[in-house]
Amino acid sequence: MKLQISRQFDASPEAVFEAWLDAESVCQWLFATPGGVMEKVEIVPRVGGGFTINERRGETLATHFGAYLEIDRPHRLVFTFSVSADVPETRVAVDVEPAPGGCRLTLTHEGVWADYEERTRAGWTMILDGLARALRLG
């Protein structure tokens, strides 16, 4: 299953795009939850590189990782995504285009399990809200 979410940002395409590849920025918003504590954020921002993000959520360590498949600054970022070696990877594309007052980001997540569509959509919506806050605080 494929889901798509779009959001307007009051920031340049370059700022929005680079926020996805900067570890200091990412630890503020990507997979961050209220009350969670980022324990590890590693990013190798090149095709063939990837990311690992670990957040402590009470007694649970939430792990997110993936590999970068395409990096076309500041237009398109494509990466694999998983939360466990036991779970098949999915594919996420982030497309950024200039728009009046900033830019428009469209996120396409392919391979989402049908039972998790609404939960995944809610998760990405929360993440993009966090990105908007991080860019404002910038």
Protein backbone atom coordinates (compact mmCIF):
# COMPACT_ATOMS: atom_id res chain seq x y z
CA MET A 1 0.00 0.00 0.00
CA LYS A 2 1.16 3.53 -0.77
CA LEU A 3 0.25 6.65 1.17
CA GLN A 4 1.01 10.26 0.38
CA ILE A 5 1.05 13.35 2.58
CA SER A 6 1.72 16.95 1.51
CA ARG A 7 2.52 19.96 3.67
CA GLN A 8 3.38 23.60 3.09
CA PHE A 9 6.45 25.01 4.89
CA ASP A 10 7.34 28.64 5.50
CA ALA A 11 11.00 27.90 4.71
CA SER A 12 13.13 27.56 1.63
CA PRO A 13 13.32 24.24 -0.21
CA GLU A 14 17.01 24.09 0.74
CA ALA A 15 16.31 24.48 4.47
CA VAL A 16 13.54 21.87 4.43
CA PHE A 17 15.59 19.40 2.40
CA GLU A 18 18.77 19.75 4.47
CA ALA A 19 16.84 19.26 7.71
CA TRP A 20 16.37 15.60 6.65
CA LEU A 21 20.13 15.04 6.40
CA ASP A 22 21.46 16.99 9.40
CA ALA A 23 21.78 14.90 12.59
CA GLU A 24 21.42 17.93 14.89
CA SER A 25 18.15 18.88 13.21
CA VAL A 26 16.84 15.32 12.88
CA CYS A 27 17.16 14.63 16.61
CA GLN A 28 14.61 17.41 17.22
CA TRP A 29 11.83 16.07 15.01
CA LEU A 30 12.34 12.84 13.03
CA PHE A 31 10.73 9.96 14.97
CA ALA A 32 10.85 12.15 18.10
CA THR A 33 7.94 11.73 20.50
CA PRO A 34 6.80 13.77 23.51
CA GLY A 35 8.69 12.45 26.51
CA GLY A 36 11.09 10.45 24.36
CA VAL A 37 14.87 10.84 24.70
CA MET A 38 17.09 10.59 21.63
CA GLU A 39 19.92 8.19 22.39
CA LYS A 40 21.52 7.89 18.96
CA VAL A 41 21.24 9.74 15.68
CA GLU A 42 23.72 8.76 12.98
CA ILE A 43 23.43 10.01 9.42
CA VAL A 44 25.71 9.33 6.46
CA PRO A 45 24.17 11.74 3.93
CA ARG A 46 25.14 10.16 0.60
CA VAL A 47 23.62 7.62 -1.76
CA GLY A 48 24.54 4.26 -0.27
CA GLY A 49 24.82 5.85 3.18
CA GLY A 50 21.98 5.81 5.62
CA PHE A 51 20.59 6.67 9.02
CA THR A 52 20.03 5.11 12.42
CA ILE A 53 17.80 6.85 14.94
CA ASN A 54 17.21 5.41 18.41
CA GLU A 55 14.82 7.04 20.86
CA ARG A 56 14.20 5.85 24.41
CA ARG A 57 10.46 5.78 25.10
CA GLY A 58 10.18 4.72 28.72
CA GLU A 59 11.48 1.15 28.90
CA THR A 60 11.38 0.74 25.12
CA LEU A 61 14.12 1.64 22.65
CA ALA A 62 12.49 2.65 19.36
CA THR A 63 14.86 2.01 16.46
CA HIS A 64 14.47 3.45 12.97
CA PHE A 65 16.95 2.89 10.16
CA GLY A 66 17.32 3.06 6.41
CA ALA A 67 19.58 3.62 3.45
CA TYR A 68 19.61 6.55 1.04
CA LEU A 69 18.72 5.54 -2.51
CA GLU A 70 18.52 8.98 -4.11
CA ILE A 71 19.66 12.44 -3.01
CA ASP A 72 18.89 15.27 -5.43
CA ARG A 73 19.37 18.48 -3.43
CA PRO A 74 17.05 20.29 -2.74
CA HIS A 75 14.36 18.46 -4.71
CA ARG A 76 14.16 14.75 -3.89
CA LEU A 77 15.26 12.35 -1.18
CA VAL A 78 14.48 8.63 -1.38
CA PHE A 79 15.34 6.11 1.33
CA THR A 80 14.50 2.68 2.62
CA PHE A 81 12.89 2.56 6.03
CA SER A 82 12.47 -0.09 8.71
CA VAL A 83 12.08 -0.45 12.45
CA SER A 84 13.38 -4.01 12.77
CA ALA A 85 15.52 -6.52 10.90
CA ASP A 86 12.47 -8.82 11.12
CA VAL A 87 10.21 -6.39 9.26
CA PRO A 88 10.47 -5.84 5.48
CA GLU A 89 11.86 -2.47 4.44
CA THR A 90 9.54 0.11 2.99
CA ARG A 91 10.41 3.00 0.68
CA VAL A 92 9.96 6.70 1.41
CA ALA A 93 10.29 9.52 -1.12
CA VAL A 94 10.40 13.16 -0.04
CA ASP A 95 9.81 15.67 -2.84
CA VAL A 96 10.29 19.38 -2.17
CA GLU A 97 9.22 22.11 -4.57
CA PRO A 98 9.19 25.89 -4.29
CA ALA A 99 5.81 27.40 -3.44
CA PRO A 100 4.64 30.92 -2.55
CA GLY A 101 6.00 31.79 0.89
CA GLY A 102 8.32 28.79 1.08
CA CYS A 103 7.93 25.28 -0.28
CA ARG A 104 5.66 22.27 -0.51
CA LEU A 105 6.83 18.86 0.65
CA THR A 106 5.18 15.68 -0.57
CA LEU A 107 6.07 12.47 1.24
CA THR A 108 5.24 9.15 -0.40
CA HIS A 109 5.59 5.99 1.71
CA GLU A 110 5.37 2.72 -0.24
CA GLY A 111 4.98 -0.70 1.32
CA VAL A 112 2.80 0.34 4.25
CA TRP A 113 0.74 -2.55 5.62
CA ALA A 114 -2.97 -1.95 5.08
CA ASP A 115 -3.68 -2.40 8.80
CA TYR A 116 -1.17 0.38 9.59
CA GLU A 117 -2.24 2.99 7.03
CA GLU A 118 -3.97 5.39 9.45
CA ARG A 119 -1.31 4.93 12.14
CA THR A 120 1.44 5.56 9.58
CA ARG A 121 -0.35 8.63 8.20
CA ALA A 122 -0.76 10.01 11.74
CA GLY A 123 2.91 9.32 12.46
CA TRP A 124 4.16 11.15 9.37
CA THR A 125 1.77 14.05 10.03
CA MET A 126 3.21 14.39 13.56
CA ILE A 127 6.75 14.18 12.15
CA LEU A 128 6.10 16.91 9.56
CA ASP A 129 4.53 19.10 12.27
CA GLY A 130 7.74 18.58 14.27
CA LEU A 131 9.83 19.54 11.24
CA ALA A 132 7.84 22.77 10.87
CA ARG A 133 8.46 23.60 14.56
CA ALA A 134 12.18 22.82 14.27
CA LEU A 135 12.50 25.06 11.20
CA ARG A 136 10.73 27.93 13.00
CA LEU A 137 13.07 27.59 15.99
CA GLY A 138 15.97 27.07 13.59
